[in-house]
Structure formats: structure tokens, C-alpha cells
């Protein structure tokens, strides 16, 4: 299973470098998991870019979601990752999922570097 970051998921909705690869990943049945934050972030992207909410929801329907618990919130604080708030929460969620994920799919180089500092394989590998 692949942990899906918003920077990667958004590429499936927006035409830019990496978009075709992300669309293929969704089409080939890759199993994705993410924090429930992804739904909020992806709908915000769709709203800002005038993309249909149906397109965003269709993509989100392919993702297994993990809820944010008090433990996840506490872990995000304890990590001292240097990341922005939502990225710190995504990282804490991915760390809690642990061995169930093989990597984090992200196009955010700062997030990828932080994830790798905590022992997770991360990057735009599609």
C-alpha cells in the first residue's frame, strides 16, 4: 500500500508534470492510503482550480482513509519535523501506519526528505 500525499493526489486532477503518471497509478489499481486530511486538501485544490468536486471525489473514493487520533496529533508535535502543520500530520499518520505502507508518494521534496529522515521511503516514484 502507498501513502498518498496531497501533492501527488492533486497531480491526478491538474495537468502538469507528473499528472499522466499519477493518472496511470490510479488506473492500474495501486492501493492508496492517506489521512482524512487529504479529502479536505484535495477539495480545496479543486475549489481553487475550478475542478469539479465529482472529479475530486472519484479520486478520493480510491483511497483508504485513516482518521486523525489524539495520538496522531501528539506524535506530530513530538516529531519536531520542521514541516508545515498539515505535512507534519501526514507524516505522523504515515509513521503510525508503519509497515503496512511500502512508501509515501509525494512530489513535495521537503516532505519527502523529512519522511526519509524518519525511515520512510518517499518521493515521486510512479
Protein backbone atom coordinates (compact mmCIF):
# COMPACT_ATOMS: atom_id res chain seq x y z
CA UNK A 1 0.00 0.00 0.00
CA UNK A 2 1.22 3.51 -0.84
CA UNK A 3 0.68 6.51 1.44
CA UNK A 4 -0.70 9.29 -0.77
CA UNK A 5 0.30 12.89 -0.12
CA UNK A 6 -1.80 15.76 -1.42
CA UNK A 7 0.97 16.98 -3.73
CA UNK A 8 0.73 13.67 -5.59
CA UNK A 9 -3.06 13.30 -5.49
CA UNK A 10 -3.55 16.81 -6.87
CA UNK A 11 -1.50 15.90 -9.94
CA UNK A 12 -4.22 13.45 -10.93
CA UNK A 13 -6.61 16.42 -11.19
CA UNK A 14 -4.33 19.14 -12.58
CA UNK A 15 -2.46 19.00 -15.88
CA UNK A 16 1.22 19.47 -15.02
CA UNK A 17 4.44 17.47 -14.86
CA UNK A 18 3.70 14.12 -13.28
CA UNK A 19 -0.04 14.18 -14.00
CA UNK A 20 -0.04 11.37 -16.56
CA UNK A 21 1.93 9.09 -14.23
CA UNK A 22 -0.46 9.80 -11.35
CA UNK A 23 -3.49 9.06 -13.51
CA UNK A 24 -1.90 5.75 -14.53
CA UNK A 25 -1.27 4.89 -10.87
CA UNK A 26 -4.96 5.41 -10.11
CA UNK A 27 -6.00 3.48 -13.21
CA UNK A 28 -3.74 0.48 -12.54
CA UNK A 29 -5.34 -0.30 -9.19
CA UNK A 30 -2.49 0.82 -6.93
CA UNK A 31 -3.72 0.65 -3.32
CA UNK A 32 -3.52 4.06 -1.64
CA UNK A 33 -3.97 5.11 1.97
CA UNK A 34 -3.90 8.60 3.46
CA UNK A 35 -5.01 10.74 6.35
CA UNK A 36 -8.53 12.15 6.17
CA UNK A 37 -6.75 15.47 5.72
CA UNK A 38 -6.33 14.51 2.06
CA UNK A 39 -10.06 14.91 1.42
CA UNK A 40 -10.09 18.44 2.83
CA UNK A 41 -6.93 19.43 0.96
CA UNK A 42 -7.98 17.90 -2.36
CA UNK A 43 -11.41 19.53 -2.28
CA UNK A 44 -9.67 22.86 -1.54
CA UNK A 45 -7.44 22.32 -4.59
CA UNK A 46 -10.50 21.53 -6.70
CA UNK A 47 -12.27 24.67 -5.47
CA UNK A 48 -9.26 26.91 -6.16
CA UNK A 49 -8.72 25.43 -9.63
CA UNK A 50 -12.41 25.27 -10.62
CA UNK A 51 -12.21 21.48 -10.94
CA UNK A 52 -15.43 19.54 -10.45
CA UNK A 53 -15.96 18.18 -6.97
CA UNK A 54 -17.10 14.96 -8.64
CA UNK A 55 -13.62 14.50 -10.13
CA UNK A 56 -12.03 15.07 -6.72
CA UNK A 57 -14.47 12.70 -5.03
CA UNK A 58 -13.95 10.00 -7.66
CA UNK A 59 -10.23 10.07 -6.90
CA UNK A 60 -10.84 10.08 -3.13
CA UNK A 61 -13.10 7.05 -3.45
CA UNK A 62 -9.98 5.06 -4.42
CA UNK A 63 -8.16 5.89 -1.18
CA UNK A 64 -8.41 4.14 2.20
CA UNK A 65 -8.53 6.75 4.93
CA UNK A 66 -7.07 6.86 8.43
CA UNK A 67 -8.66 9.21 10.94
CA UNK A 68 -6.59 11.62 12.98
CA UNK A 69 -6.48 10.46 16.57
CA UNK A 70 -5.23 12.30 19.63
CA UNK A 71 -2.15 10.07 19.43
CA UNK A 72 -1.52 11.19 15.84
CA UNK A 73 -1.80 14.84 16.84
CA UNK A 74 0.58 14.31 19.76
CA UNK A 75 3.04 12.44 17.56
CA UNK A 76 3.06 15.27 15.01
CA UNK A 77 4.12 17.63 17.81
CA UNK A 78 6.73 15.23 19.20
CA UNK A 79 8.39 14.65 15.82
CA UNK A 80 9.81 18.19 15.64
CA UNK A 81 9.94 17.58 11.89
CA UNK A 82 10.20 21.22 10.84
CA UNK A 83 7.32 20.66 8.42
CA UNK A 84 4.23 22.79 7.89
CA UNK A 85 1.26 21.74 10.02
CA UNK A 86 -0.62 19.53 7.54
CA UNK A 87 2.58 17.86 6.34
CA UNK A 88 3.55 17.10 9.95
CA UNK A 89 0.14 15.49 10.44
CA UNK A 90 0.52 13.45 7.24
CA UNK A 91 3.98 12.31 8.37
CA UNK A 92 2.69 11.32 11.82
CA UNK A 93 -0.14 9.37 10.17
CA UNK A 94 2.25 7.55 7.83
CA UNK A 95 4.52 6.65 10.75
CA UNK A 96 1.56 5.29 12.71
CA UNK A 97 0.54 3.10 9.76
CA UNK A 98 4.12 1.85 9.70
CA UNK A 99 4.94 -1.37 7.90
CA UNK A 100 1.55 -1.52 6.17
CA UNK A 101 2.85 1.08 3.71
CA UNK A 102 5.71 0.45 1.34
CA UNK A 103 6.36 4.13 0.60
CA UNK A 104 4.98 7.65 0.56
CA UNK A 105 4.07 9.07 -2.82
CA UNK A 106 4.79 12.80 -2.76
CA UNK A 107 6.09 15.49 -5.08
CA UNK A 108 6.91 17.74 -2.10
CA UNK A 109 10.69 17.46 -1.73
CA UNK A 110 10.71 18.91 1.81
CA UNK A 111 8.09 16.39 2.94
CA UNK A 112 9.96 13.54 1.22
CA UNK A 113 13.22 14.49 2.94
CA UNK A 114 11.53 14.62 6.35
CA UNK A 115 9.86 11.26 5.77
CA UNK A 116 13.19 9.72 4.83
CA UNK A 117 14.80 11.15 7.99
CA UNK A 118 12.22 9.12 9.91
CA UNK A 119 12.98 5.94 7.96
CA UNK A 120 10.22 6.04 5.34
CA UNK A 121 10.78 5.65 1.61
CA UNK A 122 9.32 8.75 -0.05
CA UNK A 123 9.26 10.56 -3.34
CA UNK A 124 7.61 10.85 -6.74
CA UNK A 125 8.01 7.21 -7.73
CA UNK A 126 5.20 6.49 -10.20
